[in-house]
Amino acid sequence: MGETLMLNRTIQHNTPTTTLQGSRFRNVVAAAAIASASLLAVLPGTSWASDDAANNAIRVAIAPTTTALPVVVADKEGYFKEAGLDVTYKVSNVTISDQLVTVGRQFDIAMGTQPALITATQQGLQLVQITSGALDTKANPQAHFVVGPDSGIKSYADFAGKRLGTLSLTGNLHYAVLANALAAGVKLNDINWVVGTVPQMPDLLKAKRVAGIEEIQPFSRFAIANGGISISDPFRILGDKAFLGVFLADKAWANSHESQVLKFNKALQKAGVWIEKNKDKARALVGTYTGARGKVLAETTIPNFEFQTTAKEVETVMKPDLTTWIALLNKVTDQTVKVTASDMLPSWGGGK
């Protein structure tokens, strides 16, 4: 059971008879636990990729978004091979919370978000954040909250009573949206959420199954091309810069593969430099794994990227970022996050 199959289920935080009703935090925990139990039941009981720390094979799950571009470029341009790594990647269309359950089994590394990592760690999954990735900045925004032209939504203050689409109940974009709604005076329990994957959101909005959606490039462009209106970039509530996507790994694997992880990060950094110098070629590559084409692809903006290539950088950059997200989750949920940033970093990068 994945969140893809939950499209017909409206998560109503204000309906006592709904199975996933209750506080925001309990809904997130329930959704993550259900997804985890279902996926664990069907996945093979393998351990992480190799017990041999010298093994350079790395299996990576990426999303069909611009945030995954460095992985595609590093593979195509040979940066992984130059680093002595045997990296294979798969484009995955499942939601983030479903994806994280596969880390340590089907994959060694997966793209994810800070809130998803925090929630998964509280549920007992042994995962760590190994580097940041795509940036969402004031100068180069990548995320949008897109509403239908007849939705009645002009700002976050209009969210009460609306049925809205989210990419994940544990996504960083979702929590940024919640923080904006809270700041606008909306009671979060008055918002109804429908969960779907990145490619599905524009269709949900076009079909008027939801009044507005969280979305990132290039699929936010699909939604806007269909008549949707972007009311803002939700990440601006965090300031002028936010990490849109991060890379997560199995904790035991990462702890015993410091060299491989840092080589992986350095290859991504090289890819980021290539992307900056070759925007048109990079945009064309986005079309090969996202399905974006024509005007939508042409108008897709490529994000800037930032990666941590030393153990010290992993600690000094990732720890404060995770701490920021823990504080935000404490603000928009009714329970206190009990894990710390050190619980979610590799042992060589400031972790426990």
Protein backbone atom coordinates (compact mmCIF):
# COMPACT_ATOMS: atom_id res chain seq x y z
CA MET A 1 0.00 0.00 0.00
CA GLY A 2 1.49 3.34 -1.00
CA GLU A 3 0.31 6.89 -0.87
CA THR A 4 -0.27 6.63 -4.62
CA LEU A 5 -3.23 4.42 -3.72
CA MET A 6 -4.57 7.00 -1.28
CA LEU A 7 -5.74 9.45 -3.95
CA ASN A 8 -9.40 8.77 -3.22
CA ARG A 9 -8.93 9.17 0.51
CA THR A 10 -9.28 12.64 1.86
CA ILE A 11 -7.36 13.06 5.08
CA GLN A 12 -9.71 15.14 7.17
CA HIS A 13 -8.10 16.31 10.36
CA ASN A 14 -11.43 17.52 11.68
CA THR A 15 -13.58 14.41 11.19
CA PRO A 16 -13.61 12.13 14.27
CA THR A 17 -14.86 9.09 12.33
CA THR A 18 -12.07 9.12 9.74
CA THR A 19 -9.50 6.38 10.31
CA LEU A 20 -6.63 8.83 9.84
CA GLN A 21 -8.27 11.63 11.81
CA GLY A 22 -6.86 13.49 14.75
CA SER A 23 -3.89 15.76 15.20
CA ARG A 24 -1.50 16.57 12.37
CA PHE A 25 1.31 14.66 14.02
CA ARG A 26 -0.73 11.52 14.60
CA ASN A 27 -1.86 11.55 10.98
CA VAL A 28 1.72 11.78 9.77
CA VAL A 29 2.80 8.94 12.06
CA ALA A 30 -0.12 6.78 10.96
CA ALA A 31 0.54 7.35 7.28
CA ALA A 32 4.24 6.58 7.66
CA ALA A 33 3.59 3.48 9.74
CA ILE A 34 1.01 2.10 7.31
CA ALA A 35 3.30 2.64 4.34
CA SER A 36 6.24 1.11 6.19
CA ALA A 37 4.37 -2.01 7.23
CA SER A 38 3.00 -2.60 3.74
CA LEU A 39 6.29 -2.19 1.94
CA LEU A 40 8.25 -4.24 4.44
CA ALA A 41 5.83 -7.09 3.88
CA VAL A 42 6.72 -7.34 0.20
CA LEU A 43 10.39 -6.37 0.10
CA PRO A 44 13.04 -9.09 0.20
CA GLY A 45 14.76 -9.40 3.52
CA THR A 46 18.15 -8.38 2.25
CA SER A 47 20.57 -6.24 4.19
CA TRP A 48 22.34 -3.18 2.86
CA ALA A 49 24.21 -3.41 -0.45
CA SER A 50 27.36 -5.05 0.87
CA ASP A 51 29.04 -6.08 4.10
CA ASP A 52 32.34 -5.14 2.49
CA ALA A 53 33.24 -1.50 3.11
CA ALA A 54 35.45 -1.61 0.01
CA ASN A 55 32.51 -2.39 -2.25
CA ASN A 56 31.86 0.59 -4.49
CA ALA A 57 28.44 -0.46 -5.79
CA ILE A 58 25.74 2.05 -4.85
CA ARG A 59 22.04 1.76 -5.68
CA VAL A 60 20.18 5.05 -5.81
CA ALA A 61 16.49 5.95 -6.06
CA ILE A 62 15.73 9.32 -7.64
CA ALA A 63 12.55 11.31 -8.19
CA PRO A 64 11.28 12.45 -11.63
CA THR A 65 12.10 16.08 -10.84
CA THR A 66 14.81 18.62 -11.54
CA THR A 67 16.24 17.92 -8.08
CA ALA A 68 17.53 14.56 -9.37
CA LEU A 69 19.44 16.07 -12.27
CA PRO A 70 22.94 15.82 -10.72
CA VAL A 71 22.61 12.03 -10.41
CA VAL A 72 21.65 11.73 -14.08
CA VAL A 73 24.48 14.05 -15.14
CA ALA A 74 27.09 12.35 -12.94
CA ASP A 75 26.18 9.04 -14.55
CA LYS A 76 26.09 10.37 -18.12
CA GLU A 77 29.28 12.42 -17.84
CA GLY A 78 31.20 9.62 -16.12
CA TYR A 79 31.81 11.36 -12.80
CA PHE A 80 30.80 8.31 -10.79
CA LYS A 81 33.17 6.09 -12.76
CA GLU A 82 35.97 8.63 -12.36
CA ALA A 83 35.47 8.30 -8.60
CA GLY A 84 35.70 4.51 -8.81
CA LEU A 85 32.02 4.06 -8.01
CA ASP A 86 29.58 1.64 -9.63
CA VAL A 87 26.37 3.65 -9.31
CA THR A 88 23.04 2.50 -10.68
CA TYR A 89 19.93 4.61 -10.31
CA LYS A 90 16.22 4.12 -10.78
CA VAL A 91 13.57 6.76 -11.33
CA SER A 92 10.91 6.11 -8.72
CA ASN A 93 7.34 7.43 -8.78
CA VAL A 94 6.37 6.44 -5.24
CA THR A 95 5.98 9.06 -2.55
CA ILE A 96 8.82 9.94 -0.21
CA SER A 97 7.55 8.10 2.87
CA ASP A 98 7.12 4.93 0.81
CA GLN A 99 10.55 5.36 -0.74
CA LEU A 100 12.39 5.62 2.56
CA VAL A 101 11.26 2.16 3.61
CA THR A 102 13.21 0.74 0.65
CA VAL A 103 16.50 2.31 1.78
CA GLY A 104 18.75 -0.39 3.19
CA ARG A 105 16.91 -3.02 1.15
CA GLN A 106 16.39 -2.13 -2.49
CA PHE A 107 18.50 1.01 -2.38
CA ASP A 108 21.49 2.36 -0.47
CA ILE A 109 20.67 6.02 -1.13
CA ALA A 110 17.41 7.79 -1.94
CA MET A 111 16.26 11.33 -2.40
CA GLY A 112 14.16 12.61 0.46
CA THR A 113 13.29 15.52 2.71
CA GLN A 114 14.22 16.55 6.21
CA PRO A 115 10.73 16.13 7.75
CA ALA A 116 10.39 12.70 6.15
CA LEU A 117 13.72 11.72 7.70
CA ILE A 118 12.68 13.07 11.10
CA THR A 119 9.37 11.20 11.01
CA ALA A 120 11.01 7.98 9.80
CA THR A 121 13.67 8.19 12.51
CA GLN A 122 11.01 8.65 15.19
CA GLN A 123 9.34 5.51 13.84
CA GLY A 124 12.57 3.54 14.21
CA LEU A 125 13.95 3.55 10.66
CA GLN A 126 17.74 3.79 10.70
CA LEU A 127 18.46 6.51 8.15
CA VAL A 128 20.86 9.44 7.88
CA GLN A 129 21.20 12.57 5.79
CA ILE A 130 24.44 12.50 3.78
CA THR A 131 24.25 15.70 1.72
CA SER A 132 21.97 18.43 0.55
CA GLY A 133 21.22 18.92 -3.13
CA ALA A 134 18.90 21.27 -4.98
CA LEU A 135 18.39 24.75 -3.59
CA ASP A 136 15.20 26.77 -3.54
CA THR A 137 16.12 30.44 -3.39
CA LYS A 138 14.42 33.80 -3.73
CA ALA A 139 16.36 34.37 -6.96
CA ASN A 140 15.65 30.89 -8.34
CA PRO A 141 12.44 29.47 -6.81
CA GLN A 142 11.67 25.83 -7.53
CA ALA A 143 8.52 25.16 -5.51
CA HIS A 144 5.03 26.53 -5.93
CA PHE A 145 1.62 26.28 -4.38
CA VAL A 146 -0.65 26.25 -7.42
CA VAL A 147 -4.41 26.84 -7.17
CA GLY A 148 -7.25 26.46 -9.61
CA PRO A 149 -8.50 29.69 -11.24
CA ASP A 150 -11.93 29.24 -9.66
CA SER A 151 -10.73 27.76 -6.35
CA GLY A 152 -11.50 30.84 -4.29
CA ILE A 153 -7.93 30.79 -2.96
CA LYS A 154 -5.96 34.01 -3.20
CA SER A 155 -3.56 33.37 -0.32
CA TYR A 156 -2.82 30.90 2.47
CA ALA A 157 -5.49 32.61 4.57
CA ASP A 158 -8.10 31.02 2.28
CA PHE A 159 -7.08 27.41 3.00
CA ALA A 160 -9.67 26.70 5.70
CA GLY A 161 -12.22 24.14 4.55
CA LYS A 162 -10.40 23.48 1.28
CA ARG A 163 -9.40 20.13 -0.19
CA LEU A 164 -5.74 20.40 -1.18
CA GLY A 165 -3.14 18.12 -2.74
CA THR A 166 0.12 17.24 -1.02
CA LEU A 167 3.11 15.32 -2.32
CA SER A 168 3.73 13.81 1.10
CA LEU A 169 2.44 14.30 4.62
CA THR A 170 6.08 14.27 5.72
CA GLY A 171 7.59 16.41 2.95
CA ASN A 172 9.52 19.62 3.52
CA LEU A 173 7.31 21.42 1.01
CA HIS A 174 4.22 20.25 2.91
CA TYR A 175 5.51 21.53 6.24
CA ALA A 176 6.50 24.83 4.63
CA VAL A 177 2.92 25.12 3.35
CA LEU A 178 1.55 24.34 6.82
CA ALA A 179 3.81 26.96 8.38
CA ASN A 180 2.51 29.54 5.90
CA ALA A 181 -1.10 28.61 6.60
CA LEU A 182 -0.51 28.78 10.35
CA ALA A 183 1.12 32.19 10.00
CA ALA A 184 -1.95 33.33 8.03
CA GLY A 185 -4.20 32.39 10.95
CA VAL A 186 -5.62 29.16 9.56
CA LYS A 187 -6.38 26.27 11.92
CA LEU A 188 -4.50 23.34 10.38
CA ASN A 189 -7.23 20.88 11.34
CA ASP A 190 -9.58 22.78 9.01
CA ILE A 191 -7.58 21.77 5.92
CA ASN A 192 -8.32 18.49 4.12
CA TRP A 193 -5.42 16.82 2.32
CA VAL A 194 -5.28 14.38 -0.59
CA VAL A 195 -1.93 12.62 -1.07
CA GLY A 196 -0.49 11.90 -4.51
CA THR A 197 2.78 11.65 -6.39
CA VAL A 198 4.59 14.48 -8.16
CA PRO A 199 3.35 13.57 -11.68
CA GLN A 200 -0.26 13.14 -10.51
CA MET A 201 -0.75 16.55 -8.89
CA PRO A 202 -1.37 18.63 -12.06
CA ASP A 203 -4.05 16.17 -13.20
CA LEU A 204 -5.78 16.31 -9.81
CA LEU A 205 -5.89 20.10 -10.00
CA LYS A 206 -7.08 20.13 -13.62
CA ALA A 207 -9.86 17.65 -12.78
CA LYS A 208 -10.88 19.89 -9.84
CA ARG A 209 -10.46 17.04 -7.38
CA VAL A 210 -8.46 19.50 -5.29
CA ALA A 211 -8.50 23.29 -5.05
CA GLY A 212 -4.73 23.65 -4.90
CA ILE A 213 -1.53 21.61 -4.95
CA GLU A 214 2.02 21.57 -3.68
CA GLU A 215 4.35 21.12 -6.63
CA ILE A 216 7.93 21.46 -7.83
CA GLN A 217 9.61 21.80 -11.21
CA PRO A 218 8.95 20.70 -13.86
CA PHE A 219 5.47 19.54 -12.85
CA SER A 220 4.50 22.90 -11.39
CA ARG A 221 4.87 24.13 -14.97
CA PHE A 222 2.38 21.50 -16.14
CA ALA A 223 -0.12 22.78 -13.57
CA ILE A 224 0.39 26.41 -14.55
CA ALA A 225 0.18 25.56 -18.27
CA ASN A 226 -3.22 23.98 -17.54
CA GLY A 227 -4.53 27.24 -16.10
CA GLY A 228 -3.28 26.97 -12.53
CA ILE A 229 -2.09 30.03 -10.62
CA SER A 230 0.94 30.05 -8.32
CA ILE A 231 0.21 31.99 -5.14
CA SER A 232 3.77 31.75 -3.78
CA ASP A 233 6.88 29.71 -3.17
CA PRO A 234 6.14 28.18 0.28
CA PHE A 235 9.83 27.93 1.20
CA ARG A 236 10.16 31.68 1.55
CA ILE A 237 8.81 31.36 5.08
CA LEU A 238 12.24 29.88 5.90
CA GLY A 239 14.17 32.76 4.36
CA ASP A 240 15.90 33.42 1.05
CA LYS A 241 17.42 29.93 0.80
CA ALA A 242 16.25 26.41 1.57
CA PHE A 243 17.39 22.91 0.67
CA LEU A 244 14.64 21.61 -1.60
CA GLY A 245 15.99 18.08 -1.79
CA VAL A 246 18.45 16.05 0.27
CA PHE A 247 20.02 12.63 -0.06
CA LEU A 248 19.38 9.99 2.60
CA ALA A 249 21.11 6.67 3.21
CA ASP A 250 20.84 3.56 5.33
CA LYS A 251 22.58 4.42 8.60
CA ALA A 252 24.66 1.26 8.98
CA TRP A 253 25.70 1.40 5.34
CA ALA A 254 26.66 5.08 5.51
CA ASN A 255 28.59 4.63 8.76
CA SER A 256 30.77 1.94 7.17
CA HIS A 257 31.07 3.59 3.75
CA GLU A 258 32.40 7.07 4.51
CA SER A 259 34.80 7.06 1.56
CA GLN A 260 32.14 5.94 -0.90
CA VAL A 261 29.59 8.45 0.38
CA LEU A 262 32.00 11.38 0.08
CA LYS A 263 33.07 10.24 -3.41
CA PHE A 264 29.40 10.10 -4.35
CA ASN A 265 28.90 13.63 -3.02
CA LYS A 266 31.95 14.91 -4.91
CA ALA A 267 30.65 13.38 -8.14
CA LEU A 268 27.36 15.19 -7.59
CA GLN A 269 29.25 18.42 -6.99
CA LYS A 270 31.04 18.00 -10.34
CA ALA A 271 27.67 17.40 -11.94
CA GLY A 272 26.38 20.60 -10.36
CA VAL A 273 29.22 22.56 -11.95
CA TRP A 274 28.48 20.95 -15.33
CA ILE A 275 24.79 21.85 -15.00
CA GLU A 276 25.62 25.48 -14.25
CA LYS A 277 27.75 25.68 -17.40
CA ASN A 278 25.37 23.73 -19.65
CA LYS A 279 21.83 24.85 -18.77
CA ASP A 280 20.30 24.01 -22.17
CA LYS A 281 21.80 20.52 -22.24
CA ALA A 282 20.79 20.03 -18.62
CA ARG A 283 17.22 21.05 -19.40
CA ALA A 284 17.12 18.55 -22.27
CA LEU A 285 18.27 15.83 -19.87
CA VAL A 286 15.41 16.69 -17.51
CA GLY A 287 13.02 15.74 -20.28
CA THR A 288 14.55 12.27 -20.62
CA TYR A 289 13.50 11.11 -17.16
CA THR A 290 10.54 13.35 -16.27
CA GLY A 291 8.49 13.28 -19.46
CA ALA A 292 8.51 17.08 -19.67
CA ARG A 293 8.70 18.44 -23.21
CA GLY A 294 7.74 21.34 -25.44
CA LYS A 295 6.81 24.63 -23.81
CA VAL A 296 6.70 23.14 -20.31
CA LEU A 297 10.29 21.89 -20.59
CA ALA A 298 11.47 25.12 -22.21
CA GLU A 299 10.06 27.15 -19.31
CA THR A 300 11.41 24.83 -16.61
CA THR A 301 14.06 26.58 -14.53
CA ILE A 302 17.02 24.53 -13.41
CA PRO A 303 17.86 24.79 -9.70
CA ASN A 304 21.23 25.61 -8.24
CA PHE A 305 22.86 22.83 -6.27
CA GLU A 306 25.00 22.53 -3.16
CA PHE A 307 26.69 19.38 -1.85
CA GLN A 308 28.83 18.53 1.17
CA THR A 309 32.07 16.80 0.16
CA THR A 310 33.86 16.40 3.50
CA ALA A 311 32.85 14.89 6.82
CA LYS A 312 33.18 18.30 8.45
CA GLU A 313 30.84 19.90 5.90
CA VAL A 314 28.25 17.18 6.45
CA GLU A 315 28.25 18.06 10.15
CA THR A 316 28.45 21.85 9.93
CA VAL A 317 25.82 22.22 7.17
CA MET A 318 23.42 19.34 7.76
CA LYS A 319 23.18 19.58 11.55
CA PRO A 320 21.83 23.16 11.70
CA ASP A 321 19.53 22.46 8.75
CA LEU A 322 17.99 19.46 10.51
CA THR A 323 17.72 21.47 13.73
CA THR A 324 15.75 24.14 11.84
CA TRP A 325 13.31 21.53 10.56
CA ILE A 326 12.89 19.96 13.99
CA ALA A 327 11.89 23.39 15.31
CA LEU A 328 9.41 23.86 12.46
CA LEU A 329 7.83 20.45 13.07
CA ASN A 330 7.48 21.29 16.75
CA LYS A 331 5.68 24.47 15.74
CA VAL A 332 3.11 22.93 13.39
CA THR A 333 2.44 19.63 15.17
CA ASP A 334 0.95 18.94 18.59
CA GLN A 335 3.77 16.74 19.81
CA THR A 336 7.45 17.31 20.50
CA VAL A 337 10.06 15.79 18.19
CA LYS A 338 12.19 13.58 20.42
CA VAL A 339 15.09 12.90 18.06
CA THR A 340 18.01 15.26 17.52
CA ALA A 341 20.01 16.20 14.45
CA SER A 342 22.84 13.97 15.67
CA ASP A 343 20.51 10.96 15.47
CA MET A 344 20.14 11.57 11.73
CA LEU A 345 23.75 12.03 10.65
CA PRO A 346 26.44 9.40 9.94
CA SER A 347 28.86 8.69 12.77
CA TRP A 348 31.71 10.33 10.86
CA GLY A 349 29.61 13.43 10.11
CA GLY A 350 28.55 14.53 13.57
CA GLY A 351 26.14 11.69 14.22
CA LYS A 352 25.76 9.41 17.20
